[in-house]
Amino acid sequence: MSGINTNRWLAGGLVAALLIWLLEGAGSVLYMDDMQASLTALGLSIEMDARMWAISVLVSLISGLVLIFFYAAARPRFGPGPKTAMIVACAFWLGGYLISLIGLYMIGMYEVGLLTTWAVVGLVEMNIAALVGGWIYREPVGT
């Protein structure tokens, strides 16, 4: 039994984080207008100032690192490769992403259509990030 290859985990996690950040930004064009309208109706707004950009980068960084950590941890059970990356991405999405979107629905913040689009974008981005980050991750030599 061996430990996680820290250097490869960091490399895979950083690339996964970058992909999450970029794909979320690109995908948000599909729902951003509806999000802004919902927020305005509630007397709220989202201003993407430097602090908000930094938070978005931090959230993506944490997500990418955790995603690839779980991929590395799942490899001994499910084997290396795309299947394991997708299992981990779907579990990560279900356990975090989808639950938070359901919470936003429960408090009446956004409509179902917007949340559905957001959920699909999230599922796609998590799978792409896990596939690429998982491809970068390798076990330590000699294991």
N, C-alpha and C. Protein backbone atom coordinates (compact mmCIF):
# COMPACT_ATOMS: atom_id res chain seq x y z
N MET A 1 0.85 -1.18 0.00
CA MET A 1 0.00 0.00 0.00
C MET A 1 0.89 1.24 0.00
N SER A 2 0.54 2.19 -0.84
CA SER A 2 1.35 3.40 -0.93
C SER A 2 0.48 4.62 -0.69
N GLY A 3 1.15 5.73 -0.47
CA GLY A 3 0.44 6.99 -0.26
C GLY A 3 0.15 7.69 -1.57
N ILE A 4 -0.46 8.81 -1.43
CA ILE A 4 -0.78 9.62 -2.59
C ILE A 4 0.47 10.32 -3.09
N ASN A 5 0.65 10.35 -4.37
CA ASN A 5 1.75 11.05 -5.00
C ASN A 5 1.44 12.55 -4.92
N THR A 6 2.01 13.21 -3.94
CA THR A 6 1.67 14.60 -3.63
C THR A 6 1.90 15.54 -4.81
N ASN A 7 3.03 15.40 -5.48
CA ASN A 7 3.33 16.29 -6.61
C ASN A 7 2.33 16.13 -7.74
N ARG A 8 1.98 14.88 -8.04
CA ARG A 8 1.01 14.63 -9.11
C ARG A 8 -0.40 15.03 -8.69
N TRP A 9 -0.71 14.88 -7.39
CA TRP A 9 -2.01 15.31 -6.88
C TRP A 9 -2.12 16.83 -7.03
N LEU A 10 -1.07 17.55 -6.64
CA LEU A 10 -1.09 19.01 -6.79
C LEU A 10 -1.21 19.42 -8.25
N ALA A 11 -0.44 18.76 -9.11
CA ALA A 11 -0.50 19.10 -10.54
C ALA A 11 -1.88 18.82 -11.11
N GLY A 12 -2.41 17.62 -10.84
CA GLY A 12 -3.75 17.27 -11.33
C GLY A 12 -4.82 18.15 -10.72
N GLY A 13 -4.69 18.45 -9.44
CA GLY A 13 -5.67 19.29 -8.76
C GLY A 13 -5.66 20.71 -9.26
N LEU A 14 -4.48 21.25 -9.54
CA LEU A 14 -4.39 22.62 -10.06
C LEU A 14 -4.98 22.72 -11.47
N VAL A 15 -4.71 21.73 -12.29
CA VAL A 15 -5.28 21.73 -13.64
C VAL A 15 -6.79 21.55 -13.57
N ALA A 16 -7.25 20.65 -12.70
CA ALA A 16 -8.69 20.47 -12.51
C ALA A 16 -9.33 21.77 -12.03
N ALA A 17 -8.67 22.47 -11.11
CA ALA A 17 -9.19 23.74 -10.60
C ALA A 17 -9.31 24.78 -11.71
N LEU A 18 -8.28 24.86 -12.54
CA LEU A 18 -8.31 25.81 -13.65
C LEU A 18 -9.46 25.49 -14.60
N LEU A 19 -9.63 24.21 -14.90
CA LEU A 19 -10.73 23.82 -15.78
C LEU A 19 -12.09 24.13 -15.16
N ILE A 20 -12.24 23.86 -13.87
CA ILE A 20 -13.50 24.17 -13.18
C ILE A 20 -13.79 25.66 -13.28
N TRP A 21 -12.78 26.48 -13.02
CA TRP A 21 -12.96 27.93 -13.05
C TRP A 21 -13.33 28.40 -14.46
N LEU A 22 -12.60 27.92 -15.45
CA LEU A 22 -12.86 28.33 -16.83
C LEU A 22 -14.21 27.83 -17.34
N LEU A 23 -14.51 26.55 -17.07
CA LEU A 23 -15.77 25.98 -17.55
C LEU A 23 -16.98 26.59 -16.85
N GLU A 24 -16.84 26.88 -15.57
CA GLU A 24 -17.95 27.53 -14.85
C GLU A 24 -18.18 28.93 -15.42
N GLY A 25 -17.10 29.63 -15.68
CA GLY A 25 -17.23 30.97 -16.28
C GLY A 25 -17.87 30.92 -17.66
N ALA A 26 -17.41 30.00 -18.49
CA ALA A 26 -17.97 29.86 -19.83
C ALA A 26 -19.42 29.39 -19.77
N GLY A 27 -19.69 28.43 -18.90
CA GLY A 27 -21.04 27.89 -18.79
C GLY A 27 -22.03 28.86 -18.20
N SER A 28 -21.55 29.80 -17.41
CA SER A 28 -22.46 30.73 -16.75
C SER A 28 -23.20 31.62 -17.74
N VAL A 29 -22.71 31.73 -18.96
CA VAL A 29 -23.43 32.53 -19.96
C VAL A 29 -24.81 31.92 -20.24
N LEU A 30 -24.96 30.63 -19.93
CA LEU A 30 -26.24 29.96 -20.15
C LEU A 30 -27.29 30.32 -19.11
N TYR A 31 -26.87 30.80 -17.95
CA TYR A 31 -27.82 31.08 -16.88
C TYR A 31 -27.61 32.43 -16.17
N MET A 32 -26.59 33.17 -16.51
CA MET A 32 -26.27 34.40 -15.78
C MET A 32 -27.38 35.45 -15.85
N ASP A 33 -28.00 35.63 -17.01
CA ASP A 33 -29.07 36.63 -17.11
C ASP A 33 -30.23 36.26 -16.19
N ASP A 34 -30.61 34.98 -16.17
CA ASP A 34 -31.69 34.53 -15.29
C ASP A 34 -31.29 34.69 -13.83
N MET A 35 -30.02 34.42 -13.53
CA MET A 35 -29.55 34.57 -12.16
C MET A 35 -29.64 36.03 -11.72
N GLN A 36 -29.18 36.92 -12.58
CA GLN A 36 -29.23 38.35 -12.25
C GLN A 36 -30.68 38.81 -12.07
N ALA A 37 -31.60 38.34 -12.92
CA ALA A 37 -33.01 38.72 -12.81
C ALA A 37 -33.60 38.22 -11.49
N SER A 38 -33.28 36.99 -11.11
CA SER A 38 -33.78 36.45 -9.84
C SER A 38 -33.24 37.24 -8.66
N LEU A 39 -31.96 37.56 -8.70
CA LEU A 39 -31.36 38.33 -7.62
C LEU A 39 -31.98 39.73 -7.53
N THR A 40 -32.17 40.36 -8.67
CA THR A 40 -32.76 41.70 -8.70
C THR A 40 -34.17 41.67 -8.11
N ALA A 41 -34.94 40.64 -8.45
CA ALA A 41 -36.30 40.50 -7.91
C ALA A 41 -36.30 40.37 -6.39
N LEU A 42 -35.21 39.85 -5.85
CA LEU A 42 -35.08 39.70 -4.40
C LEU A 42 -34.38 40.88 -3.74
N GLY A 43 -34.07 41.90 -4.55
CA GLY A 43 -33.38 43.07 -4.02
C GLY A 43 -31.90 42.82 -3.77
N LEU A 44 -31.35 41.83 -4.46
CA LEU A 44 -29.94 41.46 -4.31
C LEU A 44 -29.21 41.68 -5.62
N SER A 45 -27.90 41.64 -5.57
CA SER A 45 -27.10 41.69 -6.79
C SER A 45 -25.78 40.98 -6.54
N ILE A 46 -25.12 40.66 -7.62
CA ILE A 46 -23.78 40.07 -7.51
C ILE A 46 -22.84 40.97 -8.30
N GLU A 47 -21.91 41.53 -7.62
CA GLU A 47 -20.92 42.40 -8.23
C GLU A 47 -19.59 41.65 -8.25
N MET A 48 -19.07 41.41 -9.44
CA MET A 48 -17.81 40.68 -9.56
C MET A 48 -16.64 41.65 -9.44
N ASP A 49 -16.36 42.06 -8.21
CA ASP A 49 -15.21 42.89 -7.94
C ASP A 49 -14.00 41.98 -7.67
N ALA A 50 -12.88 42.58 -7.34
CA ALA A 50 -11.64 41.79 -7.14
C ALA A 50 -11.81 40.74 -6.05
N ARG A 51 -12.52 41.07 -4.99
CA ARG A 51 -12.73 40.11 -3.90
C ARG A 51 -13.54 38.91 -4.38
N MET A 52 -14.58 39.15 -5.17
CA MET A 52 -15.42 38.05 -5.68
C MET A 52 -14.63 37.18 -6.66
N TRP A 53 -13.80 37.79 -7.48
CA TRP A 53 -12.96 37.02 -8.40
C TRP A 53 -12.01 36.13 -7.60
N ALA A 54 -11.42 36.68 -6.54
CA ALA A 54 -10.51 35.90 -5.70
C ALA A 54 -11.24 34.73 -5.04
N ILE A 55 -12.46 34.98 -4.57
CA ILE A 55 -13.23 33.89 -3.96
C ILE A 55 -13.55 32.82 -4.99
N SER A 56 -13.89 33.23 -6.21
CA SER A 56 -14.20 32.23 -7.24
C SER A 56 -12.98 31.37 -7.57
N VAL A 57 -11.81 31.99 -7.58
CA VAL A 57 -10.57 31.23 -7.81
C VAL A 57 -10.32 30.28 -6.64
N LEU A 58 -10.50 30.75 -5.41
CA LEU A 58 -10.28 29.91 -4.23
C LEU A 58 -11.24 28.72 -4.20
N VAL A 59 -12.50 28.95 -4.49
CA VAL A 59 -13.48 27.86 -4.51
C VAL A 59 -13.11 26.83 -5.58
N SER A 60 -12.71 27.30 -6.74
CA SER A 60 -12.29 26.39 -7.81
C SER A 60 -11.04 25.61 -7.40
N LEU A 61 -10.10 26.28 -6.75
CA LEU A 61 -8.88 25.62 -6.30
C LEU A 61 -9.20 24.52 -5.30
N ILE A 62 -10.02 24.83 -4.33
CA ILE A 62 -10.40 23.81 -3.34
C ILE A 62 -11.11 22.66 -4.03
N SER A 63 -12.04 22.97 -4.92
CA SER A 63 -12.79 21.93 -5.63
C SER A 63 -11.87 21.03 -6.44
N GLY A 64 -10.94 21.62 -7.19
CA GLY A 64 -10.03 20.82 -8.01
C GLY A 64 -9.13 19.92 -7.17
N LEU A 65 -8.59 20.47 -6.10
CA LEU A 65 -7.70 19.68 -5.23
C LEU A 65 -8.46 18.54 -4.54
N VAL A 66 -9.66 18.83 -4.06
CA VAL A 66 -10.45 17.78 -3.40
C VAL A 66 -10.89 16.73 -4.41
N LEU A 67 -11.30 17.15 -5.58
CA LEU A 67 -11.73 16.22 -6.62
C LEU A 67 -10.62 15.23 -6.96
N ILE A 68 -9.41 15.71 -7.17
CA ILE A 68 -8.31 14.83 -7.53
C ILE A 68 -7.80 14.04 -6.32
N PHE A 69 -7.93 14.58 -5.13
CA PHE A 69 -7.62 13.80 -3.93
C PHE A 69 -8.52 12.57 -3.87
N PHE A 70 -9.82 12.78 -4.08
CA PHE A 70 -10.75 11.64 -4.05
C PHE A 70 -10.50 10.67 -5.21
N TYR A 71 -10.08 11.20 -6.36
CA TYR A 71 -9.72 10.31 -7.47
C TYR A 71 -8.54 9.43 -7.05
N ALA A 72 -7.51 10.05 -6.47
CA ALA A 72 -6.33 9.29 -6.02
C ALA A 72 -6.73 8.25 -4.98
N ALA A 73 -7.63 8.63 -4.08
CA ALA A 73 -8.07 7.70 -3.04
C ALA A 73 -8.93 6.57 -3.60
N ALA A 74 -9.66 6.82 -4.68
CA ALA A 74 -10.55 5.80 -5.26
C ALA A 74 -9.82 4.84 -6.19
N ARG A 75 -8.65 5.21 -6.68
CA ARG A 75 -7.92 4.36 -7.64
C ARG A 75 -7.68 2.94 -7.14
N PRO A 76 -7.28 2.73 -5.88
CA PRO A 76 -7.06 1.36 -5.44
C PRO A 76 -8.34 0.50 -5.46
N ARG A 77 -9.48 1.11 -5.23
CA ARG A 77 -10.74 0.36 -5.21
C ARG A 77 -11.30 0.14 -6.61
N PHE A 78 -11.30 1.18 -7.45
CA PHE A 78 -11.93 1.11 -8.77
C PHE A 78 -10.95 0.99 -9.93
N GLY A 79 -9.67 1.16 -9.65
CA GLY A 79 -8.66 1.11 -10.70
C GLY A 79 -8.44 2.48 -11.32
N PRO A 80 -7.25 2.68 -11.88
CA PRO A 80 -6.98 3.98 -12.51
C PRO A 80 -7.74 4.11 -13.83
N GLY A 81 -8.01 5.34 -14.20
CA GLY A 81 -8.59 5.58 -15.51
C GLY A 81 -9.86 6.40 -15.51
N PRO A 82 -10.41 6.58 -16.71
CA PRO A 82 -11.56 7.46 -16.89
C PRO A 82 -12.81 7.02 -16.13
N LYS A 83 -13.03 5.72 -16.03
CA LYS A 83 -14.22 5.24 -15.31
C LYS A 83 -14.19 5.72 -13.85
N THR A 84 -13.05 5.56 -13.21
CA THR A 84 -12.92 6.00 -11.81
C THR A 84 -13.04 7.51 -11.71
N ALA A 85 -12.45 8.23 -12.65
CA ALA A 85 -12.54 9.69 -12.63
C ALA A 85 -14.01 10.13 -12.72
N MET A 86 -14.77 9.47 -13.56
CA MET A 86 -16.17 9.84 -13.73
C MET A 86 -17.02 9.44 -12.52
N ILE A 87 -16.70 8.31 -11.90
CA ILE A 87 -17.40 7.91 -10.67
C ILE A 87 -17.16 8.96 -9.58
N VAL A 88 -15.91 9.36 -9.43
CA VAL A 88 -15.56 10.37 -8.42
C VAL A 88 -16.22 11.71 -8.75
N ALA A 89 -16.20 12.11 -10.01
CA ALA A 89 -16.81 13.39 -10.40
C ALA A 89 -18.31 13.38 -10.10
N CYS A 90 -18.98 12.29 -10.41
CA CYS A 90 -20.42 12.22 -10.16
C CYS A 90 -20.72 12.21 -8.66
N ALA A 91 -19.93 11.49 -7.89
CA ALA A 91 -20.12 11.46 -6.43
C ALA A 91 -19.86 12.85 -5.84
N PHE A 92 -18.81 13.50 -6.31
CA PHE A 92 -18.47 14.85 -5.84
C PHE A 92 -19.61 15.82 -6.18
N TRP A 93 -20.13 15.72 -7.40
CA TRP A 93 -21.22 16.57 -7.85
C TRP A 93 -22.48 16.33 -7.02
N LEU A 94 -22.81 15.06 -6.81
CA LEU A 94 -24.00 14.73 -6.01
C LEU A 94 -23.87 15.20 -4.56
N GLY A 95 -22.70 14.99 -3.97
CA GLY A 95 -22.51 15.29 -2.56
C GLY A 95 -22.31 16.76 -2.24
N GLY A 96 -22.01 17.56 -3.22
CA GLY A 96 -21.75 18.96 -2.94
C GLY A 96 -22.51 19.90 -3.85
N TYR A 97 -22.25 19.78 -5.11
CA TYR A 97 -22.81 20.71 -6.10
C TYR A 97 -24.33 20.64 -6.12
N LEU A 98 -24.87 19.44 -6.33
CA LEU A 98 -26.32 19.29 -6.44
C LEU A 98 -27.03 19.66 -5.14
N ILE A 99 -26.46 19.26 -4.03
CA ILE A 99 -27.08 19.58 -2.74
C ILE A 99 -27.17 21.08 -2.53
N SER A 100 -26.13 21.81 -2.91
CA SER A 100 -26.18 23.27 -2.74
C SER A 100 -27.23 23.89 -3.65
N LEU A 101 -27.39 23.35 -4.86
CA LEU A 101 -28.41 23.88 -5.76
C LEU A 101 -29.81 23.58 -5.24
N ILE A 102 -30.00 22.42 -4.65
CA ILE A 102 -31.29 22.09 -4.05
C ILE A 102 -31.59 23.06 -2.90
N GLY A 103 -30.57 23.39 -2.12
CA GLY A 103 -30.73 24.37 -1.05
C GLY A 103 -31.15 25.73 -1.58
N LEU A 104 -30.56 26.15 -2.69
CA LEU A 104 -30.94 27.43 -3.29
C LEU A 104 -32.39 27.40 -3.76
N TYR A 105 -32.83 26.25 -4.27
CA TYR A 105 -34.23 26.10 -4.68
C TYR A 105 -35.15 26.15 -3.45
N MET A 106 -34.76 25.47 -2.39
CA MET A 106 -35.59 25.39 -1.19
C MET A 106 -35.83 26.76 -0.55
N ILE A 107 -34.86 27.65 -0.65
CA ILE A 107 -35.07 28.98 -0.07
C ILE A 107 -35.70 29.95 -1.08
N GLY A 108 -36.02 29.45 -2.25
CA GLY A 108 -36.73 30.25 -3.24
C GLY A 108 -35.87 31.27 -3.97
N MET A 109 -34.59 31.00 -4.01
CA MET A 109 -33.69 31.98 -4.62
C MET A 109 -33.73 31.95 -6.15
N TYR A 110 -33.83 30.76 -6.72
CA TYR A 110 -33.79 30.62 -8.18
C TYR A 110 -34.85 29.64 -8.65
N GLU A 111 -35.23 29.80 -9.91
CA GLU A 111 -36.22 28.93 -10.55
C GLU A 111 -35.58 27.59 -10.95
N VAL A 112 -36.45 26.60 -11.12
CA VAL A 112 -36.00 25.24 -11.46
C VAL A 112 -35.20 25.21 -12.75
N GLY A 113 -35.64 25.93 -13.76
CA GLY A 113 -34.94 25.92 -15.05
C GLY A 113 -33.51 26.41 -14.94
N LEU A 114 -33.32 27.50 -14.24
CA LEU A 114 -31.98 28.04 -14.02
C LEU A 114 -31.11 27.04 -13.27
N LEU A 115 -31.67 26.48 -12.21
CA LEU A 115 -30.90 25.52 -11.40
C LEU A 115 -30.59 24.25 -12.17
N THR A 116 -31.49 23.84 -13.04
CA THR A 116 -31.25 22.65 -13.87
C THR A 116 -30.10 22.91 -14.83
N THR A 117 -30.11 24.06 -15.47
CA THR A 117 -29.01 24.41 -16.38
C THR A 117 -27.70 24.47 -15.61
N TRP A 118 -27.72 25.10 -14.44
CA TRP A 118 -26.54 25.23 -13.60
C TRP A 118 -26.03 23.85 -13.18
N ALA A 119 -26.95 22.95 -12.87
CA ALA A 119 -26.58 21.59 -12.46
C ALA A 119 -25.91 20.83 -13.60
N VAL A 120 -26.46 20.95 -14.80
CA VAL A 120 -25.88 20.26 -15.96
C VAL A 120 -24.49 20.80 -16.26
N VAL A 121 -24.35 22.12 -16.23
CA VAL A 121 -23.03 22.74 -16.44
C VAL A 121 -22.05 22.20 -15.40
N GLY A 122 -22.48 22.14 -14.15
CA GLY A 122 -21.61 21.65 -13.08
C GLY A 122 -21.21 20.19 -13.26
N LEU A 123 -22.16 19.36 -13.68
CA LEU A 123 -21.85 17.95 -13.89
C LEU A 123 -20.84 17.78 -15.02
N VAL A 124 -21.02 18.52 -16.09
CA VAL A 124 -20.08 18.46 -17.21
C VAL A 124 -18.70 18.94 -16.77
N GLU A 125 -18.64 20.07 -16.07
CA GLU A 125 -17.33 20.61 -15.67
C GLU A 125 -16.62 19.69 -14.69
N MET A 126 -17.35 19.09 -13.76
CA MET A 126 -16.73 18.16 -12.80
C MET A 126 -16.16 16.94 -13.52
N ASN A 127 -16.88 16.42 -14.50
CA ASN A 127 -16.39 15.25 -15.23
C ASN A 127 -15.18 15.59 -16.07
N ILE A 128 -15.21 16.71 -16.75
CA ILE A 128 -14.04 17.11 -17.55
C ILE A 128 -12.83 17.34 -16.64
N ALA A 129 -13.04 18.05 -15.54
CA ALA A 129 -11.94 18.32 -14.60
C ALA A 129 -11.38 17.02 -14.01
N ALA A 130 -12.25 16.08 -13.66
CA ALA A 130 -11.79 14.81 -13.09
C ALA A 130 -11.05 13.98 -14.13
N LEU A 131 -11.53 13.98 -15.36
CA LEU A 131 -10.86 13.22 -16.41
C LEU A 131 -9.46 13.76 -16.68
N VAL A 132 -9.33 15.07 -16.82
CA VAL A 132 -8.02 15.66 -17.12
C VAL A 132 -7.11 15.59 -15.89
N GLY A 133 -7.63 15.98 -14.73
CA GLY A 133 -6.83 15.91 -13.51
C GLY A 133 -6.42 14.48 -13.18
N GLY A 134 -7.33 13.53 -13.39
CA GLY A 134 -7.03 12.12 -13.17
C GLY A 134 -5.99 11.60 -14.14
N TRP A 135 -6.02 12.10 -15.37
CA TRP A 135 -5.03 11.69 -16.36
C TRP A 135 -3.64 12.17 -15.93
N ILE A 136 -3.57 13.34 -15.32
CA ILE A 136 -2.29 13.89 -14.85
C ILE A 136 -1.80 13.13 -13.62
N TYR A 137 -2.72 12.72 -12.75
CA TYR A 137 -2.32 12.03 -11.52
C TYR A 137 -1.74 10.65 -11.84
N ARG A 138 -0.66 10.31 -11.17
CA ARG A 138 -0.04 8.98 -11.26
C ARG A 138 0.40 8.58 -9.86
N GLU A 139 0.40 7.30 -9.61
CA GLU A 139 0.90 6.80 -8.32
C GLU A 139 2.43 6.95 -8.30
N PRO A 140 3.01 6.97 -7.10
CA PRO A 140 4.47 7.00 -7.00
C PRO A 140 5.09 5.80 -7.72
N VAL A 141 6.25 6.02 -8.32
CA VAL A 141 6.96 4.96 -9.02
C VAL A 141 7.28 3.81 -8.07
N GLY A 142 7.08 2.60 -8.54
CA GLY A 142 7.41 1.41 -7.74
C GLY A 142 6.24 0.90 -6.92
N THR A 143 5.01 1.39 -7.22
CA THR A 143 3.85 0.90 -6.49
C THR A 143 2.94 0.14 -7.40
